[in-house]
Amino acid sequence: MDIHQELRAVTPEAIRKGHEIDVALQQQYGVSFRKYWVDSETGHLFCLVEAPSKEAVYSVHYAAHKLVPNEIYAVTEGE
């Protein structure tokens, strides 16, 4: 799970476009973007990503649009 904080242009359209670019590049980095959530009031974006490493998540975001996450957490699904 990665977290982007205090984004300036947190509109559904802007987030969707950024996500589409991430998805277009994901295979190059061995990453799979699963879902995202947006808090428009605070400018936070949360991305659920399957990836081999935190570095791969950072790299695909950087290559796609330079909006890298502030934090990346390795999470596992609960039952």
N, C-alpha and C. Protein backbone atom coordinates (compact mmCIF):
# COMPACT_ATOMS: atom_id res chain seq x y z
N MET A 1 0.87 -1.17 0.00
CA MET A 1 0.00 0.00 0.00
C MET A 1 0.91 1.22 0.00
N ASP A 2 0.68 2.09 -0.96
CA ASP A 2 1.46 3.32 -0.92
C ASP A 2 0.53 4.51 -0.66
N ILE A 3 1.13 5.54 -0.12
CA ILE A 3 0.36 6.73 0.26
C ILE A 3 1.04 7.96 -0.32
N HIS A 4 0.25 8.73 -1.06
CA HIS A 4 0.69 10.02 -1.58
C HIS A 4 -0.02 11.07 -0.72
N GLN A 5 0.74 12.03 -0.21
CA GLN A 5 0.16 13.03 0.68
C GLN A 5 0.16 14.42 0.06
N GLU A 6 -0.88 15.18 0.38
CA GLU A 6 -0.98 16.58 0.01
C GLU A 6 -0.80 16.83 -1.48
N LEU A 7 -1.47 16.02 -2.28
CA LEU A 7 -1.45 16.25 -3.72
C LEU A 7 -2.25 17.50 -4.05
N ARG A 8 -1.81 18.25 -5.02
CA ARG A 8 -2.46 19.52 -5.34
C ARG A 8 -3.69 19.35 -6.23
N ALA A 9 -3.62 18.47 -7.20
CA ALA A 9 -4.72 18.32 -8.16
C ALA A 9 -5.46 17.00 -7.93
N VAL A 10 -6.13 16.92 -6.81
CA VAL A 10 -6.83 15.68 -6.47
C VAL A 10 -8.26 15.76 -6.98
N THR A 11 -8.39 15.61 -8.27
CA THR A 11 -9.70 15.51 -8.88
C THR A 11 -9.84 14.09 -9.41
N PRO A 12 -11.04 13.58 -9.52
CA PRO A 12 -11.20 12.23 -10.06
C PRO A 12 -10.53 12.06 -11.42
N GLU A 13 -10.64 13.06 -12.27
CA GLU A 13 -10.05 12.99 -13.61
C GLU A 13 -8.52 12.94 -13.55
N ALA A 14 -7.92 13.79 -12.74
CA ALA A 14 -6.46 13.81 -12.63
C ALA A 14 -5.93 12.51 -12.06
N ILE A 15 -6.59 11.99 -11.05
CA ILE A 15 -6.16 10.73 -10.44
C ILE A 15 -6.33 9.58 -11.43
N ARG A 16 -7.42 9.56 -12.15
CA ARG A 16 -7.66 8.50 -13.12
C ARG A 16 -6.59 8.50 -14.21
N LYS A 17 -6.24 9.68 -14.70
CA LYS A 17 -5.21 9.78 -15.74
C LYS A 17 -3.85 9.28 -15.23
N GLY A 18 -3.49 9.68 -14.02
CA GLY A 18 -2.23 9.21 -13.44
C GLY A 18 -2.22 7.70 -13.26
N HIS A 19 -3.34 7.16 -12.79
CA HIS A 19 -3.46 5.71 -12.60
C HIS A 19 -3.33 4.97 -13.94
N GLU A 20 -3.93 5.50 -14.98
CA GLU A 20 -3.84 4.87 -16.31
C GLU A 20 -2.39 4.80 -16.80
N ILE A 21 -1.62 5.82 -16.52
CA ILE A 21 -0.21 5.82 -16.91
C ILE A 21 0.55 4.78 -16.09
N ASP A 22 0.27 4.72 -14.78
CA ASP A 22 0.89 3.69 -13.94
C ASP A 22 0.61 2.29 -14.50
N VAL A 23 -0.64 2.03 -14.83
CA VAL A 23 -1.04 0.71 -15.34
C VAL A 23 -0.34 0.42 -16.67
N ALA A 24 -0.21 1.43 -17.51
CA ALA A 24 0.45 1.23 -18.80
C ALA A 24 1.92 0.82 -18.65
N LEU A 25 2.56 1.25 -17.57
CA LEU A 25 3.98 0.96 -17.35
C LEU A 25 4.24 -0.19 -16.37
N GLN A 26 3.21 -0.67 -15.70
CA GLN A 26 3.40 -1.60 -14.58
C GLN A 26 4.18 -2.86 -14.95
N GLN A 27 3.96 -3.44 -16.11
CA GLN A 27 4.64 -4.68 -16.46
C GLN A 27 6.15 -4.51 -16.54
N GLN A 28 6.60 -3.35 -16.95
CA GLN A 28 8.04 -3.09 -17.06
C GLN A 28 8.74 -3.20 -15.72
N TYR A 29 7.98 -3.03 -14.63
CA TYR A 29 8.56 -3.03 -13.29
C TYR A 29 8.10 -4.21 -12.45
N GLY A 30 7.34 -5.12 -13.05
CA GLY A 30 6.84 -6.28 -12.32
C GLY A 30 5.81 -5.92 -11.27
N VAL A 31 5.08 -4.85 -11.52
CA VAL A 31 4.13 -4.28 -10.56
C VAL A 31 2.72 -4.47 -11.09
N SER A 32 1.75 -4.62 -10.18
CA SER A 32 0.35 -4.70 -10.57
C SER A 32 -0.48 -3.80 -9.66
N PHE A 33 -0.98 -2.71 -10.24
CA PHE A 33 -1.83 -1.80 -9.48
C PHE A 33 -3.22 -2.39 -9.38
N ARG A 34 -3.72 -2.58 -8.16
CA ARG A 34 -5.00 -3.26 -7.93
C ARG A 34 -6.17 -2.30 -7.74
N LYS A 35 -5.97 -1.29 -6.93
CA LYS A 35 -7.08 -0.39 -6.58
C LYS A 35 -6.50 0.88 -5.98
N TYR A 36 -7.27 1.95 -6.02
CA TYR A 36 -6.82 3.16 -5.32
C TYR A 36 -8.02 3.85 -4.68
N TRP A 37 -7.72 4.64 -3.66
CA TRP A 37 -8.72 5.41 -2.92
C TRP A 37 -8.19 6.83 -2.79
N VAL A 38 -9.11 7.79 -2.82
CA VAL A 38 -8.73 9.21 -2.77
C VAL A 38 -9.48 9.91 -1.65
N ASP A 39 -8.77 10.75 -0.91
CA ASP A 39 -9.39 11.67 0.05
C ASP A 39 -9.16 13.06 -0.51
N SER A 40 -10.13 13.58 -1.24
CA SER A 40 -9.99 14.87 -1.92
C SER A 40 -9.79 16.03 -0.96
N GLU A 41 -10.36 15.93 0.23
CA GLU A 41 -10.24 17.02 1.20
C GLU A 41 -8.81 17.22 1.68
N THR A 42 -8.08 16.12 1.93
CA THR A 42 -6.72 16.23 2.44
C THR A 42 -5.66 16.10 1.36
N GLY A 43 -6.07 15.68 0.15
CA GLY A 43 -5.10 15.49 -0.92
C GLY A 43 -4.33 14.19 -0.79
N HIS A 44 -4.90 13.20 -0.11
CA HIS A 44 -4.24 11.91 0.05
C HIS A 44 -4.75 10.91 -0.98
N LEU A 45 -3.83 10.11 -1.47
CA LEU A 45 -4.14 9.03 -2.41
C LEU A 45 -3.51 7.76 -1.88
N PHE A 46 -4.27 6.68 -1.86
CA PHE A 46 -3.81 5.39 -1.37
C PHE A 46 -3.89 4.39 -2.51
N CYS A 47 -2.79 3.70 -2.79
CA CYS A 47 -2.75 2.74 -3.90
C CYS A 47 -2.43 1.34 -3.36
N LEU A 48 -3.25 0.39 -3.73
CA LEU A 48 -2.98 -1.01 -3.41
C LEU A 48 -2.23 -1.60 -4.59
N VAL A 49 -1.02 -2.07 -4.34
CA VAL A 49 -0.12 -2.50 -5.41
C VAL A 49 0.52 -3.84 -5.03
N GLU A 50 0.55 -4.76 -5.98
CA GLU A 50 1.36 -5.97 -5.81
C GLU A 50 2.68 -5.70 -6.50
N ALA A 51 3.79 -5.89 -5.77
CA ALA A 51 5.09 -5.55 -6.34
C ALA A 51 6.19 -6.39 -5.69
N PRO A 52 7.28 -6.59 -6.41
CA PRO A 52 8.39 -7.36 -5.83
C PRO A 52 9.15 -6.60 -4.75
N SER A 53 9.03 -5.26 -4.74
CA SER A 53 9.76 -4.46 -3.76
C SER A 53 9.16 -3.06 -3.68
N LYS A 54 9.51 -2.36 -2.61
CA LYS A 54 9.09 -0.97 -2.47
C LYS A 54 9.72 -0.11 -3.57
N GLU A 55 10.95 -0.46 -3.94
CA GLU A 55 11.66 0.28 -4.97
C GLU A 55 10.93 0.22 -6.31
N ALA A 56 10.34 -0.95 -6.62
CA ALA A 56 9.61 -1.11 -7.87
C ALA A 56 8.37 -0.20 -7.89
N VAL A 57 7.69 -0.09 -6.77
CA VAL A 57 6.52 0.78 -6.67
C VAL A 57 6.94 2.24 -6.89
N TYR A 58 7.99 2.64 -6.23
CA TYR A 58 8.51 4.00 -6.37
C TYR A 58 8.89 4.27 -7.82
N SER A 59 9.59 3.33 -8.43
CA SER A 59 10.11 3.50 -9.78
C SER A 59 9.01 3.66 -10.83
N VAL A 60 7.96 2.86 -10.74
CA VAL A 60 6.90 2.97 -11.74
C VAL A 60 6.15 4.30 -11.59
N HIS A 61 5.91 4.75 -10.38
CA HIS A 61 5.28 6.06 -10.18
C HIS A 61 6.17 7.18 -10.73
N TYR A 62 7.45 7.08 -10.47
CA TYR A 62 8.38 8.12 -10.94
C TYR A 62 8.40 8.16 -12.47
N ALA A 63 8.49 7.00 -13.08
CA ALA A 63 8.52 6.92 -14.54
C ALA A 63 7.21 7.41 -15.16
N ALA A 64 6.09 7.13 -14.49
CA ALA A 64 4.78 7.46 -15.03
C ALA A 64 4.48 8.95 -14.97
N HIS A 65 4.76 9.58 -13.82
CA HIS A 65 4.32 10.98 -13.66
C HIS A 65 5.08 11.76 -12.61
N LYS A 66 6.13 11.18 -12.08
CA LYS A 66 6.98 11.85 -11.07
C LYS A 66 6.30 12.08 -9.73
N LEU A 67 5.04 11.63 -9.55
CA LEU A 67 4.34 11.78 -8.26
C LEU A 67 4.58 10.52 -7.44
N VAL A 68 5.70 10.52 -6.73
CA VAL A 68 6.08 9.33 -5.96
C VAL A 68 5.39 9.33 -4.60
N PRO A 69 5.17 8.14 -4.04
CA PRO A 69 4.52 8.07 -2.74
C PRO A 69 5.41 8.60 -1.62
N ASN A 70 4.77 9.15 -0.60
CA ASN A 70 5.49 9.59 0.59
C ASN A 70 5.83 8.41 1.48
N GLU A 71 4.95 7.40 1.44
CA GLU A 71 5.15 6.22 2.28
C GLU A 71 4.74 4.98 1.49
N ILE A 72 5.42 3.85 1.76
CA ILE A 72 5.06 2.57 1.16
C ILE A 72 5.10 1.53 2.27
N TYR A 73 4.02 0.76 2.40
CA TYR A 73 3.91 -0.26 3.43
C TYR A 73 3.70 -1.63 2.78
N ALA A 74 4.40 -2.63 3.29
CA ALA A 74 4.14 -4.01 2.89
C ALA A 74 2.98 -4.50 3.75
N VAL A 75 1.88 -4.86 3.14
CA VAL A 75 0.68 -5.30 3.88
C VAL A 75 0.26 -6.68 3.40
N THR A 76 -0.44 -7.39 4.26
CA THR A 76 -1.03 -8.68 3.90
C THR A 76 -2.52 -8.61 4.18
N GLU A 77 -3.28 -9.36 3.39
CA GLU A 77 -4.72 -9.35 3.53
C GLU A 77 -5.14 -10.17 4.74
N GLY A 78 -6.05 -9.63 5.50
CA GLY A 78 -6.60 -10.35 6.66
C GLY A 78 -7.76 -11.22 6.23
N GLU A 79 -8.16 -12.09 7.12
CA GLU A 79 -9.29 -12.98 6.82
C GLU A 79 -10.59 -12.43 7.33
